[in-house]
């Protein structure tokens, strides 16, 4: 059993260590990280999952960006410790966090990821939404939290100001 809670400043370095464990050492060189530099994660949407002993099993973060002048949530990274993978924890983090996004006023979410995996959570390829290079356009995915929220939204993904 896991308890999900909003990430706090006290969680920061433990979450960073989890991301280092789950992703390649050069993860911060990815284009999505350039959009995050100097911008804090969205409060109340970035979550940690801890087991009954308080051990961190997974984490998810969201960042504000814009596309064509529209506010967008950038999901990622989401990570589950290798010893906890296959238990549905990643899905729990995604679903729970997304349930909090709409009530906070967010209408659309995007990420760079694997379409077959994220398709399970309502994400599909975004056409005309351009991540900084070198990003494979087929991995740029989005989900509308409000019907039609992605309709007509195109352009470069920019760091929120």
N, C-alpha and C. Protein backbone atom coordinates (compact mmCIF):
# COMPACT_ATOMS: atom_id res chain seq x y z
N UNK A 1 0.84 -1.17 0.00
CA UNK A 1 0.00 0.00 0.00
C UNK A 1 0.89 1.24 0.00
N UNK A 2 0.50 2.23 -0.78
CA UNK A 2 1.27 3.46 -0.89
C UNK A 2 0.43 4.65 -0.44
N UNK A 3 1.10 5.63 0.11
CA UNK A 3 0.45 6.89 0.43
C UNK A 3 1.02 7.94 -0.52
N UNK A 4 0.13 8.61 -1.23
CA UNK A 4 0.54 9.69 -2.11
C UNK A 4 0.37 11.01 -1.39
N UNK A 5 1.37 11.86 -1.52
CA UNK A 5 1.33 13.17 -0.90
C UNK A 5 2.01 14.17 -1.83
N UNK A 6 1.61 15.42 -1.71
CA UNK A 6 2.25 16.47 -2.49
C UNK A 6 3.73 16.52 -2.11
N UNK A 7 4.58 16.65 -3.12
CA UNK A 7 6.01 16.77 -2.87
C UNK A 7 6.29 18.06 -2.11
N UNK A 8 7.18 17.97 -1.14
CA UNK A 8 7.60 19.15 -0.38
C UNK A 8 9.09 19.38 -0.59
N UNK A 9 9.57 20.50 -0.10
CA UNK A 9 11.00 20.81 -0.19
C UNK A 9 11.84 19.72 0.47
N UNK A 10 11.32 19.10 1.52
CA UNK A 10 12.06 18.04 2.21
C UNK A 10 12.24 16.79 1.34
N UNK A 11 11.39 16.62 0.34
CA UNK A 11 11.47 15.46 -0.55
C UNK A 11 12.46 15.65 -1.69
N UNK A 12 12.85 16.88 -1.95
CA UNK A 12 13.58 17.22 -3.19
C UNK A 12 14.76 16.29 -3.49
N UNK A 13 15.71 16.17 -2.58
CA UNK A 13 16.92 15.41 -2.91
C UNK A 13 16.65 13.92 -3.00
N UNK A 14 15.70 13.43 -2.26
CA UNK A 14 15.35 12.01 -2.37
C UNK A 14 14.69 11.73 -3.72
N UNK A 15 13.86 12.65 -4.18
CA UNK A 15 13.24 12.51 -5.50
C UNK A 15 14.30 12.60 -6.59
N UNK A 16 15.23 13.54 -6.46
CA UNK A 16 16.30 13.65 -7.44
C UNK A 16 17.13 12.37 -7.51
N UNK A 17 17.39 11.75 -6.37
CA UNK A 17 18.13 10.49 -6.34
C UNK A 17 17.34 9.38 -7.04
N UNK A 18 16.02 9.37 -6.86
CA UNK A 18 15.18 8.40 -7.56
C UNK A 18 15.27 8.61 -9.07
N UNK A 19 15.19 9.86 -9.52
CA UNK A 19 15.30 10.14 -10.95
C UNK A 19 16.67 9.71 -11.49
N UNK A 20 17.73 9.94 -10.72
CA UNK A 20 19.06 9.49 -11.15
C UNK A 20 19.11 7.98 -11.28
N UNK A 21 18.43 7.27 -10.37
CA UNK A 21 18.39 5.81 -10.42
C UNK A 21 17.62 5.31 -11.64
N UNK A 22 16.52 5.98 -11.96
CA UNK A 22 15.61 5.49 -13.00
C UNK A 22 15.98 5.92 -14.42
N UNK A 23 16.71 7.03 -14.54
CA UNK A 23 17.02 7.57 -15.85
C UNK A 23 18.52 7.69 -16.04
N UNK A 24 18.92 7.82 -17.27
CA UNK A 24 20.34 7.94 -17.60
C UNK A 24 20.96 9.14 -16.90
N UNK A 25 22.26 9.06 -16.61
CA UNK A 25 22.92 10.18 -15.94
C UNK A 25 22.78 11.51 -16.69
N UNK A 26 22.63 11.48 -17.99
CA UNK A 26 22.52 12.70 -18.78
C UNK A 26 21.10 13.22 -18.89
N UNK A 27 20.20 12.79 -18.00
CA UNK A 27 18.79 13.16 -18.10
C UNK A 27 18.58 14.67 -18.12
N UNK A 28 19.40 15.41 -17.42
CA UNK A 28 19.20 16.86 -17.35
C UNK A 28 19.60 17.57 -18.64
N UNK A 29 20.18 16.84 -19.59
CA UNK A 29 20.52 17.44 -20.88
C UNK A 29 19.36 17.36 -21.87
N UNK A 30 18.28 16.66 -21.52
CA UNK A 30 17.14 16.53 -22.41
C UNK A 30 16.45 17.88 -22.60
N UNK A 31 15.79 18.03 -23.74
CA UNK A 31 15.14 19.30 -24.06
C UNK A 31 14.09 19.70 -23.03
N UNK A 32 13.38 18.74 -22.47
CA UNK A 32 12.36 19.07 -21.48
C UNK A 32 12.96 19.71 -20.23
N UNK A 33 14.20 19.36 -19.90
CA UNK A 33 14.85 19.97 -18.74
C UNK A 33 15.17 21.44 -18.98
N UNK A 34 15.44 21.82 -20.22
CA UNK A 34 15.70 23.24 -20.51
C UNK A 34 14.45 24.07 -20.25
N UNK A 35 13.28 23.47 -20.41
CA UNK A 35 12.03 24.18 -20.15
C UNK A 35 11.76 24.30 -18.65
N UNK A 36 12.41 23.49 -17.85
CA UNK A 36 12.17 23.46 -16.41
C UNK A 36 13.16 24.31 -15.62
N UNK A 37 14.30 24.64 -16.23
CA UNK A 37 15.35 25.36 -15.52
C UNK A 37 14.83 26.67 -14.94
N UNK A 38 15.05 26.83 -13.65
CA UNK A 38 14.67 28.06 -12.99
C UNK A 38 13.19 28.22 -12.73
N UNK A 39 12.42 27.18 -13.01
CA UNK A 39 10.97 27.22 -12.81
C UNK A 39 10.61 26.14 -11.78
N UNK A 40 9.93 26.50 -10.72
CA UNK A 40 9.55 25.46 -9.74
C UNK A 40 8.44 24.56 -10.28
N UNK A 41 8.40 23.30 -9.83
CA UNK A 41 7.28 22.43 -10.22
C UNK A 41 5.96 23.02 -9.74
N UNK A 42 4.87 22.62 -10.37
CA UNK A 42 3.55 23.13 -10.01
C UNK A 42 3.16 22.56 -8.64
N UNK A 43 2.92 23.45 -7.72
CA UNK A 43 2.56 23.06 -6.36
C UNK A 43 1.24 22.30 -6.34
N UNK A 44 1.20 21.25 -5.56
CA UNK A 44 -0.01 20.47 -5.40
C UNK A 44 -0.23 19.39 -6.44
N UNK A 45 0.57 19.40 -7.53
CA UNK A 45 0.43 18.37 -8.55
C UNK A 45 1.60 17.41 -8.55
N UNK A 46 2.76 17.87 -8.13
CA UNK A 46 3.92 17.00 -8.05
C UNK A 46 3.80 16.19 -6.77
N UNK A 47 3.82 14.85 -6.94
CA UNK A 47 3.55 13.95 -5.83
C UNK A 47 4.68 12.95 -5.60
N UNK A 48 4.73 12.46 -4.37
CA UNK A 48 5.60 11.34 -4.03
C UNK A 48 4.72 10.21 -3.51
N UNK A 49 5.20 9.00 -3.71
CA UNK A 49 4.50 7.81 -3.20
C UNK A 49 5.43 7.08 -2.26
N UNK A 50 4.97 6.88 -1.04
CA UNK A 50 5.77 6.19 -0.02
C UNK A 50 5.02 4.96 0.47
N UNK A 51 5.80 3.94 0.80
CA UNK A 51 5.19 2.73 1.34
C UNK A 51 4.93 2.88 2.83
N UNK A 52 4.48 1.81 3.47
CA UNK A 52 4.13 1.84 4.89
C UNK A 52 5.31 2.20 5.79
N UNK A 53 6.53 1.99 5.28
CA UNK A 53 7.73 2.31 6.07
C UNK A 53 8.26 3.70 5.76
N UNK A 54 7.58 4.41 4.86
CA UNK A 54 8.02 5.75 4.49
C UNK A 54 9.07 5.78 3.40
N UNK A 55 9.31 4.63 2.77
CA UNK A 55 10.33 4.56 1.72
C UNK A 55 9.73 5.04 0.40
N UNK A 56 10.46 5.91 -0.27
CA UNK A 56 10.01 6.48 -1.53
C UNK A 56 9.98 5.40 -2.61
N UNK A 57 8.80 5.20 -3.20
CA UNK A 57 8.66 4.22 -4.27
C UNK A 57 8.50 4.86 -5.63
N UNK A 58 8.00 6.11 -5.67
CA UNK A 58 7.80 6.77 -6.94
C UNK A 58 7.57 8.26 -6.76
N UNK A 59 7.67 8.98 -7.87
CA UNK A 59 7.46 10.42 -7.85
C UNK A 59 7.03 10.90 -9.22
N UNK A 60 6.31 12.00 -9.23
CA UNK A 60 5.87 12.62 -10.48
C UNK A 60 5.94 14.13 -10.29
N UNK A 61 6.34 14.82 -11.35
CA UNK A 61 6.39 16.28 -11.31
C UNK A 61 5.69 16.86 -12.53
N UNK A 62 5.18 18.07 -12.36
CA UNK A 62 4.54 18.84 -13.43
C UNK A 62 5.15 20.23 -13.46
N UNK A 63 5.26 20.79 -14.66
CA UNK A 63 5.87 22.11 -14.84
C UNK A 63 4.97 22.96 -15.73
N UNK A 64 4.93 24.26 -15.49
CA UNK A 64 4.15 25.13 -16.36
C UNK A 64 4.96 25.48 -17.62
N UNK A 65 4.32 25.36 -18.77
CA UNK A 65 4.90 25.80 -20.04
C UNK A 65 3.79 26.49 -20.82
N UNK A 66 4.14 27.05 -21.97
CA UNK A 66 3.12 27.60 -22.87
C UNK A 66 3.32 27.03 -24.26
N UNK A 67 2.22 26.92 -24.99
CA UNK A 67 2.23 26.52 -26.39
C UNK A 67 1.32 27.49 -27.12
N UNK A 68 1.88 28.25 -28.03
CA UNK A 68 1.06 29.20 -28.77
C UNK A 68 0.31 30.17 -27.88
N UNK A 69 0.91 30.54 -26.76
CA UNK A 69 0.27 31.47 -25.83
C UNK A 69 -0.70 30.84 -24.85
N UNK A 70 -0.88 29.53 -24.92
CA UNK A 70 -1.80 28.81 -24.03
C UNK A 70 -1.01 28.16 -22.89
N UNK A 71 -1.54 28.24 -21.69
CA UNK A 71 -0.93 27.56 -20.54
C UNK A 71 -1.10 26.05 -20.67
N UNK A 72 -0.01 25.33 -20.42
CA UNK A 72 0.00 23.87 -20.54
C UNK A 72 0.82 23.31 -19.38
N UNK A 73 0.39 22.17 -18.88
CA UNK A 73 1.18 21.42 -17.90
C UNK A 73 2.11 20.48 -18.65
N UNK A 74 3.37 20.48 -18.27
CA UNK A 74 4.34 19.53 -18.81
C UNK A 74 4.55 18.47 -17.74
N UNK A 75 4.10 17.26 -18.02
CA UNK A 75 4.23 16.14 -17.09
C UNK A 75 5.61 15.53 -17.25
N UNK A 76 6.28 15.34 -16.15
CA UNK A 76 7.53 14.62 -16.19
C UNK A 76 8.60 15.27 -15.35
N UNK A 77 9.47 14.47 -14.88
CA UNK A 77 9.44 13.02 -15.06
C UNK A 77 8.51 12.32 -14.06
N UNK A 78 8.11 11.13 -14.46
CA UNK A 78 7.43 10.22 -13.55
C UNK A 78 8.36 9.02 -13.43
N UNK A 79 8.61 8.60 -12.22
CA UNK A 79 9.55 7.50 -12.01
C UNK A 79 9.06 6.60 -10.89
N UNK A 80 9.34 5.33 -11.07
CA UNK A 80 9.06 4.32 -10.05
C UNK A 80 10.36 3.56 -9.81
N UNK A 81 10.71 3.40 -8.55
CA UNK A 81 11.95 2.70 -8.22
C UNK A 81 11.94 1.32 -8.88
N UNK A 82 13.07 0.88 -9.43
CA UNK A 82 13.12 -0.41 -10.13
C UNK A 82 12.58 -1.58 -9.32
N UNK A 83 12.72 -1.55 -8.00
CA UNK A 83 12.21 -2.66 -7.18
C UNK A 83 10.70 -2.60 -7.00
N UNK A 84 10.07 -1.51 -7.43
CA UNK A 84 8.63 -1.33 -7.27
C UNK A 84 7.87 -1.32 -8.59
N UNK A 85 8.59 -1.47 -9.69
CA UNK A 85 7.95 -1.44 -11.00
C UNK A 85 7.07 -2.67 -11.19
N UNK A 86 6.00 -2.48 -11.96
CA UNK A 86 5.06 -3.57 -12.22
C UNK A 86 3.95 -3.67 -11.20
N UNK A 87 3.90 -2.76 -10.23
CA UNK A 87 2.88 -2.78 -9.19
C UNK A 87 1.75 -1.78 -9.47
N UNK A 88 1.84 -1.05 -10.60
CA UNK A 88 0.81 -0.06 -10.92
C UNK A 88 1.04 1.30 -10.29
N UNK A 89 2.21 1.49 -9.71
CA UNK A 89 2.48 2.74 -9.02
C UNK A 89 2.59 3.92 -9.98
N UNK A 90 3.20 3.71 -11.14
CA UNK A 90 3.28 4.79 -12.13
C UNK A 90 1.91 5.26 -12.55
N UNK A 91 1.02 4.34 -12.82
CA UNK A 91 -0.36 4.68 -13.20
C UNK A 91 -1.08 5.40 -12.08
N UNK A 92 -0.88 4.96 -10.85
CA UNK A 92 -1.50 5.62 -9.71
C UNK A 92 -1.02 7.07 -9.59
N UNK A 93 0.27 7.29 -9.77
CA UNK A 93 0.82 8.65 -9.72
C UNK A 93 0.22 9.52 -10.82
N UNK A 94 0.16 8.98 -12.04
CA UNK A 94 -0.38 9.75 -13.17
C UNK A 94 -1.85 10.07 -12.94
N UNK A 95 -2.66 9.07 -12.64
CA UNK A 95 -4.10 9.27 -12.48
C UNK A 95 -4.41 10.23 -11.34
N UNK A 96 -3.78 10.02 -10.19
CA UNK A 96 -4.06 10.86 -9.04
C UNK A 96 -3.67 12.31 -9.30
N UNK A 97 -2.50 12.51 -9.86
CA UNK A 97 -2.05 13.87 -10.15
C UNK A 97 -2.95 14.55 -11.17
N UNK A 98 -3.36 13.82 -12.18
CA UNK A 98 -4.22 14.39 -13.22
C UNK A 98 -5.59 14.78 -12.64
N UNK A 99 -6.08 14.03 -11.67
CA UNK A 99 -7.35 14.37 -11.03
C UNK A 99 -7.28 15.70 -10.29
N UNK A 100 -6.09 16.08 -9.84
CA UNK A 100 -5.90 17.36 -9.15
C UNK A 100 -5.71 18.53 -10.12
N UNK A 101 -5.32 18.24 -11.36
CA UNK A 101 -4.98 19.31 -12.30
C UNK A 101 -6.20 20.12 -12.74
N UNK A 102 -7.29 19.45 -13.09
CA UNK A 102 -8.49 20.16 -13.53
C UNK A 102 -9.03 21.14 -12.50
N UNK A 103 -9.21 20.70 -11.26
CA UNK A 103 -9.70 21.63 -10.24
C UNK A 103 -8.77 22.83 -9.98
N UNK A 104 -7.50 22.69 -10.36
CA UNK A 104 -6.58 23.82 -10.23
C UNK A 104 -6.67 24.77 -11.43
N UNK A 105 -7.53 24.42 -12.39
CA UNK A 105 -7.72 25.31 -13.54
C UNK A 105 -6.94 24.94 -14.78
N UNK A 106 -6.21 23.85 -14.76
CA UNK A 106 -5.46 23.42 -15.94
C UNK A 106 -6.39 22.74 -16.93
N UNK A 107 -6.20 23.02 -18.21
CA UNK A 107 -7.06 22.45 -19.25
C UNK A 107 -6.36 21.42 -20.12
N UNK A 108 -5.03 21.47 -20.17
CA UNK A 108 -4.30 20.57 -21.06
C UNK A 108 -2.97 20.18 -20.44
N UNK A 109 -2.55 18.95 -20.75
CA UNK A 109 -1.30 18.39 -20.24
C UNK A 109 -0.54 17.81 -21.43
N UNK A 110 0.77 17.92 -21.39
CA UNK A 110 1.60 17.31 -22.42
C UNK A 110 2.80 16.63 -21.77
N UNK A 111 3.46 15.79 -22.56
CA UNK A 111 4.67 15.11 -22.11
C UNK A 111 5.43 14.61 -23.32
N UNK A 112 6.64 14.19 -23.08
CA UNK A 112 7.43 13.50 -24.10
C UNK A 112 7.58 12.08 -23.59
N UNK A 113 7.03 11.12 -24.33
CA UNK A 113 7.08 9.75 -23.84
C UNK A 113 6.59 8.73 -24.83
N UNK A 114 6.40 7.54 -24.34
CA UNK A 114 6.03 6.37 -25.13
C UNK A 114 4.52 6.31 -25.31
N UNK A 115 4.06 6.47 -26.54
CA UNK A 115 2.61 6.53 -26.81
C UNK A 115 1.85 5.28 -26.33
N UNK A 116 2.36 4.07 -26.54
CA UNK A 116 1.60 2.91 -26.06
C UNK A 116 1.40 2.93 -24.54
N UNK A 117 2.39 3.38 -23.79
CA UNK A 117 2.24 3.42 -22.33
C UNK A 117 1.29 4.55 -21.93
N UNK A 118 1.56 5.76 -22.37
CA UNK A 118 0.76 6.91 -21.93
C UNK A 118 -0.62 6.96 -22.58
N UNK A 119 -0.81 6.24 -23.66
CA UNK A 119 -2.13 6.14 -24.28
C UNK A 119 -3.16 5.55 -23.33
N UNK A 120 -2.71 4.71 -22.41
CA UNK A 120 -3.61 4.13 -21.41
C UNK A 120 -4.24 5.19 -20.50
N UNK A 121 -3.59 6.35 -20.46
CA UNK A 121 -4.05 7.42 -19.57
C UNK A 121 -4.63 8.60 -20.36
N UNK A 122 -5.01 8.32 -21.61
CA UNK A 122 -5.69 9.33 -22.42
C UNK A 122 -4.79 10.23 -23.23
N UNK A 123 -3.50 9.95 -23.30
CA UNK A 123 -2.59 10.77 -24.08
C UNK A 123 -2.50 10.27 -25.51
N UNK A 124 -2.36 11.21 -26.44
CA UNK A 124 -2.16 10.88 -27.85
C UNK A 124 -1.22 11.89 -28.47
N UNK A 125 -0.72 11.57 -29.65
CA UNK A 125 0.27 12.42 -30.30
C UNK A 125 -0.31 13.80 -30.60
N UNK A 126 0.49 14.82 -30.33
CA UNK A 126 0.11 16.20 -30.63
C UNK A 126 0.72 16.61 -31.97
N UNK A 127 -0.09 17.10 -32.85
CA UNK A 127 0.40 17.57 -34.15
C UNK A 127 0.54 19.08 -34.09
N UNK A 128 1.69 19.57 -34.52
CA UNK A 128 1.89 21.01 -34.54
C UNK A 128 2.40 21.59 -33.24
N UNK A 129 2.68 20.75 -32.26
CA UNK A 129 3.28 21.20 -31.00
C UNK A 129 4.75 20.79 -31.06
N UNK A 130 5.64 21.78 -30.97
CA UNK A 130 7.05 21.56 -31.25
C UNK A 130 7.88 21.73 -29.98
N UNK A 131 8.46 20.61 -29.54
CA UNK A 131 9.39 20.64 -28.41
C UNK A 131 10.76 21.06 -28.93
N UNK A 132 11.58 21.67 -28.05
CA UNK A 132 12.94 22.00 -28.47
C UNK A 132 13.67 20.74 -28.93
N UNK A 133 14.54 20.88 -29.94
CA UNK A 133 15.28 19.71 -30.41
C UNK A 133 16.28 19.24 -29.37
N UNK A 134 16.68 18.01 -29.41
CA UNK A 134 16.32 16.98 -30.38
C UNK A 134 15.21 16.08 -29.85
N UNK A 135 13.98 16.43 -30.05
CA UNK A 135 12.84 15.65 -29.58
C UNK A 135 12.14 15.01 -30.77
N UNK A 136 11.90 13.72 -30.69
CA UNK A 136 11.15 13.02 -31.72
C UNK A 136 9.69 13.48 -31.65
N UNK A 137 9.15 14.10 -32.73
CA UNK A 137 7.78 14.61 -32.70
C UNK A 137 6.73 13.54 -32.40
N UNK A 138 7.03 12.27 -32.69
CA UNK A 138 6.07 11.20 -32.42
C UNK A 138 5.94 10.90 -30.93
N UNK A 139 6.86 11.43 -30.13
CA UNK A 139 6.83 11.21 -28.68
C UNK A 139 6.22 12.40 -27.93
N UNK A 140 5.79 13.43 -28.67
CA UNK A 140 5.15 14.60 -28.05
C UNK A 140 3.66 14.29 -27.94
N UNK A 141 3.20 14.07 -26.71
CA UNK A 141 1.85 13.59 -26.45
C UNK A 141 1.09 14.59 -25.60
N UNK A 142 -0.23 14.58 -25.74
CA UNK A 142 -1.05 15.48 -24.94
C UNK A 142 -2.36 14.85 -24.54
N UNK A 143 -2.96 15.46 -23.54
CA UNK A 143 -4.28 15.04 -23.07
C UNK A 143 -5.07 16.29 -22.69
N UNK A 144 -6.28 16.37 -23.19
CA UNK A 144 -7.17 17.47 -22.83
C UNK A 144 -7.88 17.12 -21.53
N UNK A 145 -7.84 18.04 -20.58
CA UNK A 145 -8.57 17.86 -19.33
C UNK A 145 -9.96 18.46 -19.44
N UNK A 146 -10.13 19.30 -20.46
CA UNK A 146 -11.41 19.91 -20.78
C UNK A 146 -11.65 19.61 -22.26
N UNK A 147 -12.83 19.18 -22.59
CA UNK A 147 -13.17 18.83 -23.97
C UNK A 147 -12.70 19.91 -24.94
N UNK A 148 -11.90 19.49 -25.95
CA UNK A 148 -11.46 20.40 -26.99
C UNK A 148 -10.32 21.32 -26.61
N UNK A 149 -9.71 21.12 -25.45
CA UNK A 149 -8.68 22.06 -24.97
C UNK A 149 -7.45 22.14 -25.87
N UNK A 150 -7.16 21.09 -26.63
CA UNK A 150 -6.02 21.11 -27.54
C UNK A 150 -6.41 21.58 -28.94
N UNK A 151 -7.69 21.76 -29.21
CA UNK A 151 -8.12 22.17 -30.55
C UNK A 151 -7.49 23.50 -30.93
N UNK A 152 -6.75 23.50 -32.05
CA UNK A 152 -6.13 24.72 -32.55
C UNK A 152 -4.90 25.19 -31.80
N UNK A 153 -4.44 24.44 -30.81
CA UNK A 153 -3.25 24.83 -30.05
C UNK A 153 -2.03 24.25 -30.76
N UNK A 154 -1.22 25.13 -31.31
CA UNK A 154 0.00 24.72 -32.01
C UNK A 154 1.11 25.71 -31.68
N UNK A 155 2.31 25.32 -31.99
CA UNK A 155 3.46 26.21 -31.83
C UNK A 155 4.54 25.56 -30.99
N UNK A 156 5.56 26.37 -30.73
CA UNK A 156 6.69 25.90 -29.94
C UNK A 156 6.34 25.87 -28.46
N UNK A 157 6.85 24.85 -27.79
CA UNK A 157 6.69 24.77 -26.34
C UNK A 157 7.72 25.72 -25.73
N UNK A 158 7.24 26.63 -24.89
CA UNK A 158 8.10 27.65 -24.30
C UNK A 158 8.05 27.56 -22.79
N UNK A 159 9.12 27.98 -22.17
CA UNK A 159 9.18 28.04 -20.70
C UNK A 159 8.17 29.07 -20.20
N UNK A 160 7.50 28.73 -19.11
CA UNK A 160 6.56 29.68 -18.50
C UNK A 160 7.34 30.84 -17.91
N UNK A 161 6.74 31.98 -17.92
CA UNK A 161 7.42 33.17 -17.37
C UNK A 161 6.87 33.52 -16.02
